[in-house]
């Protein structure tokens, strides 16, 4: 399937890839893997896991978007990651959200303050000031980021 390309900024773009093919699964070994000291594997059998349902409790309303830019690297979101976005969840303070602001899509941390709602970058750079969202004309929330897929 061809992915639709939606411009983010004149230099950047994000590609939306919709999860459609439910039911495909990969084997999930029933043993866990130590990320520290090795431990002997106790069970080598494999159970199938559907990555659609693993990624979201609502796979029908979940999609992927390719991340461009470095405004969220301190949150662990790197360029070329695929952000897993759920449209069914209501954004709450502290969530990482996908929002449509100033004619483009962005992923930022949602901060609800007494005076306004802000979309906040998480990076060392000062080039991403908080974005104030006071009304639907200022920006719209498209969903909550529920995970990241990264290819090494």
N, C-alpha and C. Protein backbone atom coordinates (compact mmCIF):
# COMPACT_ATOMS: atom_id res chain seq x y z
N UNK A 1 0.84 -1.17 0.00
CA UNK A 1 0.00 0.00 0.00
C UNK A 1 0.89 1.23 0.00
N UNK A 2 0.52 2.24 -0.77
CA UNK A 2 1.25 3.49 -0.85
C UNK A 2 0.85 4.38 0.31
N UNK A 3 1.80 5.04 0.95
CA UNK A 3 1.51 5.90 2.09
C UNK A 3 1.23 7.32 1.60
N UNK A 4 0.24 7.97 2.18
CA UNK A 4 -0.04 9.36 1.87
C UNK A 4 1.00 10.23 2.55
N UNK A 5 1.48 11.26 1.86
CA UNK A 5 2.48 12.16 2.43
C UNK A 5 1.79 13.48 2.75
N UNK A 6 1.89 13.90 4.01
CA UNK A 6 1.28 15.14 4.47
C UNK A 6 2.40 16.06 4.92
N UNK A 7 2.53 17.27 4.32
CA UNK A 7 3.64 18.15 4.68
C UNK A 7 3.56 18.61 6.13
N UNK A 8 4.71 18.67 6.81
CA UNK A 8 4.79 19.19 8.17
C UNK A 8 5.32 20.62 8.13
N UNK A 9 6.45 20.83 7.55
CA UNK A 9 7.06 22.13 7.34
C UNK A 9 7.63 22.11 5.92
N UNK A 10 8.07 23.25 5.40
CA UNK A 10 8.63 23.22 4.05
C UNK A 10 9.76 22.20 3.89
N UNK A 11 10.54 21.95 4.96
CA UNK A 11 11.68 21.05 4.86
C UNK A 11 11.35 19.65 5.36
N UNK A 12 10.36 19.54 6.23
CA UNK A 12 10.07 18.26 6.86
C UNK A 12 8.73 17.73 6.39
N UNK A 13 8.54 16.42 6.52
CA UNK A 13 7.26 15.80 6.23
C UNK A 13 7.08 14.59 7.12
N UNK A 14 5.84 14.17 7.32
CA UNK A 14 5.54 12.95 8.06
C UNK A 14 4.71 12.07 7.16
N UNK A 15 4.95 10.78 7.20
CA UNK A 15 4.18 9.84 6.40
C UNK A 15 3.26 9.05 7.31
N UNK A 16 1.98 8.98 6.96
CA UNK A 16 1.02 8.20 7.72
C UNK A 16 0.92 6.82 7.11
N UNK A 17 1.02 5.80 7.94
CA UNK A 17 0.85 4.43 7.50
C UNK A 17 -0.25 3.83 8.37
N UNK A 18 -1.35 3.45 7.79
CA UNK A 18 -2.47 2.96 8.57
C UNK A 18 -2.36 1.46 8.75
N UNK A 19 -2.58 0.99 9.99
CA UNK A 19 -2.59 -0.45 10.27
C UNK A 19 -3.90 -1.00 9.76
N UNK A 20 -3.84 -1.83 8.73
CA UNK A 20 -5.06 -2.39 8.15
C UNK A 20 -5.10 -3.90 8.32
N UNK A 21 -3.98 -4.55 8.09
CA UNK A 21 -3.95 -6.00 8.01
C UNK A 21 -3.92 -6.63 9.39
N UNK A 22 -5.08 -6.73 10.03
CA UNK A 22 -5.14 -7.34 11.35
C UNK A 22 -5.13 -8.85 11.21
N UNK A 23 -4.60 -9.52 12.17
CA UNK A 23 -4.58 -10.98 12.16
C UNK A 23 -3.22 -11.56 11.84
N UNK A 24 -2.33 -10.78 11.22
CA UNK A 24 -0.98 -11.27 11.01
C UNK A 24 -0.26 -11.28 12.35
N UNK A 25 0.52 -12.29 12.59
CA UNK A 25 1.19 -12.37 13.87
C UNK A 25 2.61 -12.87 13.70
N UNK A 26 3.41 -12.58 14.70
CA UNK A 26 4.78 -13.06 14.78
C UNK A 26 4.89 -13.94 16.01
N UNK A 27 5.82 -14.90 16.02
CA UNK A 27 5.96 -15.72 17.22
C UNK A 27 6.54 -14.91 18.38
N UNK A 28 5.99 -15.13 19.56
CA UNK A 28 6.50 -14.51 20.79
C UNK A 28 6.96 -15.64 21.69
N UNK A 29 8.26 -15.68 21.95
CA UNK A 29 8.77 -16.72 22.83
C UNK A 29 8.23 -16.51 24.23
N UNK A 30 7.90 -17.59 24.91
CA UNK A 30 7.27 -17.49 26.22
C UNK A 30 8.27 -17.17 27.33
N UNK A 31 9.53 -17.16 27.01
CA UNK A 31 10.53 -16.77 28.00
C UNK A 31 10.86 -15.30 27.82
N UNK A 32 11.29 -14.65 28.88
CA UNK A 32 11.73 -13.26 28.77
C UNK A 32 13.23 -13.24 28.53
N UNK A 33 13.75 -12.08 28.13
CA UNK A 33 15.17 -11.94 27.85
C UNK A 33 15.74 -10.89 28.79
N UNK A 34 16.83 -11.23 29.45
CA UNK A 34 17.49 -10.30 30.36
C UNK A 34 18.22 -9.23 29.56
N UNK A 35 18.08 -7.99 29.97
CA UNK A 35 18.84 -6.92 29.35
C UNK A 35 20.10 -6.62 30.16
N UNK A 36 20.28 -7.33 31.25
CA UNK A 36 21.46 -7.17 32.09
C UNK A 36 22.31 -8.42 32.00
N UNK A 37 22.43 -9.15 33.11
CA UNK A 37 23.19 -10.39 33.11
C UNK A 37 22.38 -11.49 32.43
N UNK A 38 23.03 -12.33 31.63
CA UNK A 38 22.30 -13.39 30.94
C UNK A 38 21.72 -14.41 31.92
N UNK A 39 20.59 -14.99 31.52
CA UNK A 39 20.01 -16.05 32.32
C UNK A 39 19.66 -17.19 31.39
N UNK A 40 19.73 -18.43 31.85
CA UNK A 40 19.43 -19.55 30.97
C UNK A 40 17.97 -19.52 30.55
N UNK A 41 17.71 -19.75 29.28
CA UNK A 41 16.33 -19.78 28.78
C UNK A 41 15.64 -21.01 29.34
N UNK A 42 14.43 -20.81 29.83
CA UNK A 42 13.71 -21.91 30.46
C UNK A 42 12.68 -22.53 29.54
N UNK A 43 12.23 -21.81 28.54
CA UNK A 43 11.17 -22.31 27.67
C UNK A 43 11.41 -21.78 26.28
N UNK A 44 11.52 -22.69 25.32
CA UNK A 44 11.82 -22.28 23.96
C UNK A 44 10.58 -22.25 23.08
N UNK A 45 9.41 -22.53 23.59
CA UNK A 45 8.22 -22.53 22.76
C UNK A 45 7.83 -21.11 22.39
N UNK A 46 7.11 -20.99 21.32
CA UNK A 46 6.71 -19.67 20.85
C UNK A 46 5.19 -19.59 20.72
N UNK A 47 4.63 -18.50 21.23
CA UNK A 47 3.20 -18.22 21.10
C UNK A 47 3.06 -17.10 20.07
N UNK A 48 2.01 -17.12 19.24
CA UNK A 48 1.85 -16.01 18.29
C UNK A 48 1.40 -14.73 18.99
N UNK A 49 1.86 -13.61 18.48
CA UNK A 49 1.43 -12.31 19.00
C UNK A 49 1.04 -11.44 17.81
N UNK A 50 -0.10 -10.82 17.89
CA UNK A 50 -0.58 -9.90 16.87
C UNK A 50 -0.05 -8.51 17.24
N UNK A 51 0.84 -7.95 16.42
CA UNK A 51 1.44 -6.67 16.75
C UNK A 51 0.42 -5.53 16.74
N UNK A 52 -0.70 -5.70 16.04
CA UNK A 52 -1.75 -4.68 16.06
C UNK A 52 -2.37 -4.58 17.45
N UNK A 53 -2.73 -5.71 18.03
CA UNK A 53 -3.35 -5.67 19.36
C UNK A 53 -2.31 -5.44 20.46
N UNK A 54 -1.07 -5.84 20.23
CA UNK A 54 -0.01 -5.56 21.20
C UNK A 54 0.26 -4.06 21.28
N UNK A 55 0.23 -3.39 20.13
CA UNK A 55 0.53 -1.96 20.07
C UNK A 55 -0.58 -1.10 20.65
N UNK A 56 -1.82 -1.58 20.56
CA UNK A 56 -2.94 -0.76 21.02
C UNK A 56 -4.13 -1.65 21.37
N UNK A 57 -4.87 -1.23 22.38
CA UNK A 57 -6.10 -1.93 22.74
C UNK A 57 -7.21 -1.61 21.74
N UNK A 58 -6.98 -0.63 20.88
CA UNK A 58 -7.97 -0.21 19.89
C UNK A 58 -7.33 -0.20 18.50
N UNK A 59 -6.99 -1.37 17.93
CA UNK A 59 -6.26 -1.38 16.66
C UNK A 59 -7.02 -0.73 15.51
N UNK A 60 -8.35 -0.73 15.53
CA UNK A 60 -9.11 -0.14 14.43
C UNK A 60 -8.94 1.38 14.38
N UNK A 61 -8.62 2.01 15.51
CA UNK A 61 -8.46 3.47 15.55
C UNK A 61 -7.00 3.86 15.80
N UNK A 62 -6.09 2.98 15.47
CA UNK A 62 -4.67 3.22 15.69
C UNK A 62 -3.94 3.25 14.36
N UNK A 63 -3.01 4.17 14.23
CA UNK A 63 -2.22 4.26 13.01
C UNK A 63 -0.79 4.63 13.38
N UNK A 64 0.08 4.55 12.39
CA UNK A 64 1.49 4.88 12.57
C UNK A 64 1.81 6.16 11.82
N UNK A 65 2.75 6.92 12.35
CA UNK A 65 3.25 8.10 11.65
C UNK A 65 4.76 8.12 11.81
N UNK A 66 5.47 8.37 10.70
CA UNK A 66 6.92 8.43 10.75
C UNK A 66 7.35 9.78 11.31
N UNK A 67 8.26 9.74 12.25
CA UNK A 67 8.72 10.95 12.93
C UNK A 67 9.87 11.57 12.12
N UNK A 68 9.79 12.89 11.97
CA UNK A 68 10.84 13.67 11.33
C UNK A 68 11.22 14.77 12.31
N UNK A 69 12.50 15.03 12.47
CA UNK A 69 12.93 16.09 13.37
C UNK A 69 13.32 15.54 14.74
N UNK A 70 13.90 16.43 15.55
CA UNK A 70 14.48 16.02 16.83
C UNK A 70 13.87 16.72 18.03
N UNK A 71 12.63 17.19 17.92
CA UNK A 71 12.05 17.96 19.02
C UNK A 71 11.61 17.10 20.20
N UNK A 72 11.60 15.77 20.06
CA UNK A 72 11.14 14.90 21.15
C UNK A 72 12.18 13.85 21.55
N UNK A 73 13.45 14.09 21.27
CA UNK A 73 14.47 13.09 21.56
C UNK A 73 14.63 12.80 23.05
N UNK A 74 14.39 13.78 23.91
CA UNK A 74 14.49 13.53 25.35
C UNK A 74 13.35 12.66 25.86
N UNK A 75 12.28 12.53 25.07
CA UNK A 75 11.18 11.64 25.41
C UNK A 75 11.40 10.25 24.78
N UNK A 76 12.55 10.08 24.12
CA UNK A 76 12.86 8.79 23.51
C UNK A 76 12.29 8.61 22.12
N UNK A 77 11.82 9.68 21.50
CA UNK A 77 11.27 9.62 20.15
C UNK A 77 12.30 10.20 19.19
N UNK A 78 12.83 9.34 18.33
CA UNK A 78 13.92 9.71 17.44
C UNK A 78 13.44 9.86 16.00
N UNK A 79 14.20 10.61 15.18
CA UNK A 79 13.86 10.69 13.76
C UNK A 79 13.81 9.29 13.14
N UNK A 80 12.85 9.08 12.27
CA UNK A 80 12.59 7.82 11.56
C UNK A 80 11.86 6.78 12.40
N UNK A 81 11.61 7.06 13.70
CA UNK A 81 10.75 6.18 14.50
C UNK A 81 9.35 6.20 13.91
N UNK A 82 8.59 5.15 14.15
CA UNK A 82 7.17 5.14 13.83
C UNK A 82 6.42 5.32 15.14
N UNK A 83 5.72 6.44 15.28
CA UNK A 83 4.91 6.68 16.46
C UNK A 83 3.58 5.97 16.28
N UNK A 84 3.15 5.24 17.30
CA UNK A 84 1.87 4.54 17.29
C UNK A 84 0.86 5.47 17.94
N UNK A 85 -0.14 5.91 17.16
CA UNK A 85 -1.10 6.92 17.61
C UNK A 85 -2.49 6.31 17.68
N UNK A 86 -3.14 6.54 18.82
CA UNK A 86 -4.51 6.05 19.02
C UNK A 86 -5.46 7.24 19.03
N UNK A 87 -6.45 7.20 18.13
CA UNK A 87 -7.42 8.30 18.03
C UNK A 87 -8.56 8.16 19.03
N UNK A 88 -8.74 6.99 19.64
CA UNK A 88 -9.83 6.78 20.59
C UNK A 88 -9.58 7.38 21.97
N UNK A 89 -8.33 7.58 22.32
CA UNK A 89 -8.00 8.07 23.65
C UNK A 89 -8.16 9.58 23.74
N UNK A 90 -8.70 10.04 24.86
CA UNK A 90 -8.82 11.47 25.09
C UNK A 90 -7.49 11.97 25.65
N UNK A 91 -6.89 12.99 25.03
CA UNK A 91 -5.61 13.51 25.53
C UNK A 91 -5.72 14.05 26.94
N UNK A 92 -4.73 13.69 27.78
CA UNK A 92 -4.67 14.17 29.16
C UNK A 92 -3.33 14.86 29.38
N UNK A 93 -3.27 15.65 30.43
CA UNK A 93 -2.03 16.34 30.79
C UNK A 93 -0.90 15.33 30.92
N UNK A 94 0.21 15.60 30.26
CA UNK A 94 1.37 14.73 30.32
C UNK A 94 1.47 13.73 29.19
N UNK A 95 0.36 13.51 28.45
CA UNK A 95 0.41 12.60 27.30
C UNK A 95 1.27 13.21 26.19
N UNK A 96 1.86 12.35 25.39
CA UNK A 96 2.46 12.78 24.15
C UNK A 96 1.37 12.64 23.10
N UNK A 97 1.14 13.72 22.34
CA UNK A 97 0.01 13.75 21.42
C UNK A 97 0.48 14.10 20.00
N UNK A 98 -0.34 13.68 19.05
CA UNK A 98 -0.20 14.13 17.67
C UNK A 98 -1.22 15.24 17.50
N UNK A 99 -0.76 16.42 17.09
CA UNK A 99 -1.65 17.57 16.94
C UNK A 99 -1.45 18.20 15.57
N UNK A 100 -2.51 18.83 15.09
CA UNK A 100 -2.44 19.60 13.84
C UNK A 100 -2.43 21.07 14.23
N UNK A 101 -1.29 21.73 13.99
CA UNK A 101 -1.09 23.11 14.41
C UNK A 101 -0.44 23.89 13.27
N UNK A 102 -0.93 25.09 13.02
CA UNK A 102 -0.33 25.97 12.00
C UNK A 102 -0.16 25.27 10.65
N UNK A 103 -1.14 24.48 10.25
CA UNK A 103 -1.11 23.86 8.94
C UNK A 103 -0.27 22.61 8.82
N UNK A 104 0.22 22.07 9.94
CA UNK A 104 1.04 20.86 9.88
C UNK A 104 0.88 20.01 11.12
N UNK A 105 1.35 18.78 11.05
CA UNK A 105 1.28 17.86 12.18
C UNK A 105 2.54 17.95 13.01
N UNK A 106 2.39 17.76 14.31
CA UNK A 106 3.52 17.75 15.22
C UNK A 106 3.24 16.78 16.37
N UNK A 107 4.29 16.22 16.93
CA UNK A 107 4.18 15.39 18.12
C UNK A 107 4.87 16.14 19.25
N UNK A 108 4.12 16.36 20.33
CA UNK A 108 4.65 17.09 21.49
C UNK A 108 3.99 16.57 22.75
N UNK A 109 4.55 16.96 23.90
CA UNK A 109 3.98 16.65 25.22
C UNK A 109 2.87 17.66 25.52
N UNK A 110 1.71 17.16 25.94
CA UNK A 110 0.58 18.02 26.26
C UNK A 110 0.70 18.50 27.70
N UNK A 111 0.64 19.81 27.89
CA UNK A 111 0.67 20.41 29.23
C UNK A 111 -0.56 21.28 29.39
N UNK A 112 -1.38 20.93 30.37
CA UNK A 112 -2.58 21.71 30.69
C UNK A 112 -2.25 22.63 31.85
N UNK A 113 -2.21 23.92 31.59
CA UNK A 113 -1.92 24.93 32.61
C UNK A 113 -3.20 25.71 32.89
N UNK A 114 -3.21 26.50 33.97
CA UNK A 114 -4.39 27.29 34.30
C UNK A 114 -4.71 28.31 33.21
N UNK A 115 -3.68 28.89 32.61
CA UNK A 115 -3.91 29.95 31.62
C UNK A 115 -4.18 29.43 30.21
N UNK A 116 -3.68 28.24 29.87
CA UNK A 116 -3.84 27.73 28.50
C UNK A 116 -3.36 26.29 28.42
N UNK A 117 -3.51 25.75 27.23
CA UNK A 117 -3.00 24.42 26.90
C UNK A 117 -1.75 24.62 26.04
N UNK A 118 -0.70 23.83 26.34
CA UNK A 118 0.56 23.98 25.61
C UNK A 118 1.01 22.64 25.05
N UNK A 119 1.68 22.71 23.91
CA UNK A 119 2.38 21.58 23.33
C UNK A 119 3.86 21.86 23.51
N UNK A 120 4.55 20.96 24.22
CA UNK A 120 5.91 21.23 24.66
C UNK A 120 6.87 20.21 24.06
N UNK A 121 7.95 20.71 23.46
CA UNK A 121 9.00 19.85 22.93
C UNK A 121 9.85 19.32 24.07
N UNK A 122 10.53 18.20 23.83
CA UNK A 122 11.45 17.64 24.82
C UNK A 122 12.79 17.40 24.13
N UNK A 123 13.60 18.46 24.14
CA UNK A 123 14.90 18.43 23.49
C UNK A 123 15.83 19.42 24.18
N UNK A 124 17.11 19.30 23.92
CA UNK A 124 18.09 20.24 24.49
C UNK A 124 18.04 21.58 23.79
N UNK A 125 17.52 21.61 22.57
CA UNK A 125 17.51 22.81 21.76
C UNK A 125 16.46 23.81 22.23
N UNK A 126 16.79 25.10 22.11
CA UNK A 126 15.84 26.15 22.43
C UNK A 126 15.02 26.57 21.20
N UNK A 127 15.19 25.88 20.09
CA UNK A 127 14.53 26.28 18.85
C UNK A 127 13.10 25.78 18.75
N UNK A 128 12.57 25.12 19.81
CA UNK A 128 11.20 24.62 19.81
C UNK A 128 10.45 25.19 21.02
N UNK A 129 10.01 26.45 20.94
CA UNK A 129 9.28 27.01 22.08
C UNK A 129 7.92 26.33 22.24
N UNK A 130 7.35 26.36 23.45
CA UNK A 130 6.02 25.78 23.65
C UNK A 130 5.00 26.42 22.70
N UNK A 131 4.07 25.61 22.23
CA UNK A 131 3.01 26.09 21.34
C UNK A 131 1.74 26.23 22.18
N UNK A 132 1.19 27.42 22.20
CA UNK A 132 -0.03 27.67 22.97
C UNK A 132 -1.24 27.33 22.09
N UNK A 133 -2.16 26.54 22.65
CA UNK A 133 -3.37 26.14 21.92
C UNK A 133 -4.57 26.56 22.77
N UNK A 134 -5.23 27.63 22.35
CA UNK A 134 -6.38 28.17 23.10
C UNK A 134 -7.72 27.77 22.50
N UNK A 135 -7.74 27.42 21.22
CA UNK A 135 -9.02 27.15 20.56
C UNK A 135 -8.79 26.15 19.42
N UNK A 136 -9.86 25.57 18.89
CA UNK A 136 -9.70 24.64 17.76
C UNK A 136 -9.04 25.30 16.55
N UNK A 137 -9.16 26.61 16.43
CA UNK A 137 -8.49 27.30 15.32
C UNK A 137 -6.97 27.30 15.51
N UNK A 138 -6.52 27.25 16.77
CA UNK A 138 -5.08 27.22 17.06
C UNK A 138 -4.48 25.84 16.83
N UNK A 139 -5.27 24.80 17.03
CA UNK A 139 -4.75 23.44 16.86
C UNK A 139 -5.79 22.40 17.24
N UNK A 140 -5.63 21.22 16.67
CA UNK A 140 -6.54 20.11 16.95
C UNK A 140 -5.72 18.89 17.34
N UNK A 141 -6.21 18.13 18.30
CA UNK A 141 -5.54 16.90 18.72
C UNK A 141 -6.07 15.75 17.87
N UNK A 142 -5.14 15.01 17.29
CA UNK A 142 -5.50 13.88 16.43
C UNK A 142 -5.42 12.57 17.16
N UNK A 143 -4.68 12.50 18.25
CA UNK A 143 -4.59 11.26 18.99
C UNK A 143 -3.46 11.28 19.99
N UNK A 144 -3.40 10.21 20.76
CA UNK A 144 -2.39 10.06 21.81
C UNK A 144 -1.35 9.04 21.33
N UNK A 145 -0.09 9.38 21.48
CA UNK A 145 0.99 8.46 21.13
C UNK A 145 1.05 7.39 22.22
N UNK A 146 0.84 6.13 21.83
CA UNK A 146 0.80 5.03 22.80
C UNK A 146 2.05 4.16 22.73
N UNK A 147 2.91 4.43 21.76
CA UNK A 147 4.13 3.64 21.66
C UNK A 147 4.98 4.11 20.49
N UNK A 148 6.14 3.51 20.40
CA UNK A 148 7.10 3.81 19.34
C UNK A 148 7.61 2.50 18.77
N UNK A 149 7.76 2.45 17.47
CA UNK A 149 8.42 1.32 16.82
C UNK A 149 9.69 1.85 16.19
N UNK A 150 10.79 1.22 16.51
CA UNK A 150 12.09 1.66 15.99
C UNK A 150 12.79 0.50 15.34
N UNK A 151 13.29 0.72 14.14
CA UNK A 151 14.06 -0.30 13.44
C UNK A 151 15.54 0.03 13.60
N UNK A 152 16.33 -0.96 13.97
CA UNK A 152 17.77 -0.75 14.11
C UNK A 152 18.47 -0.96 12.79
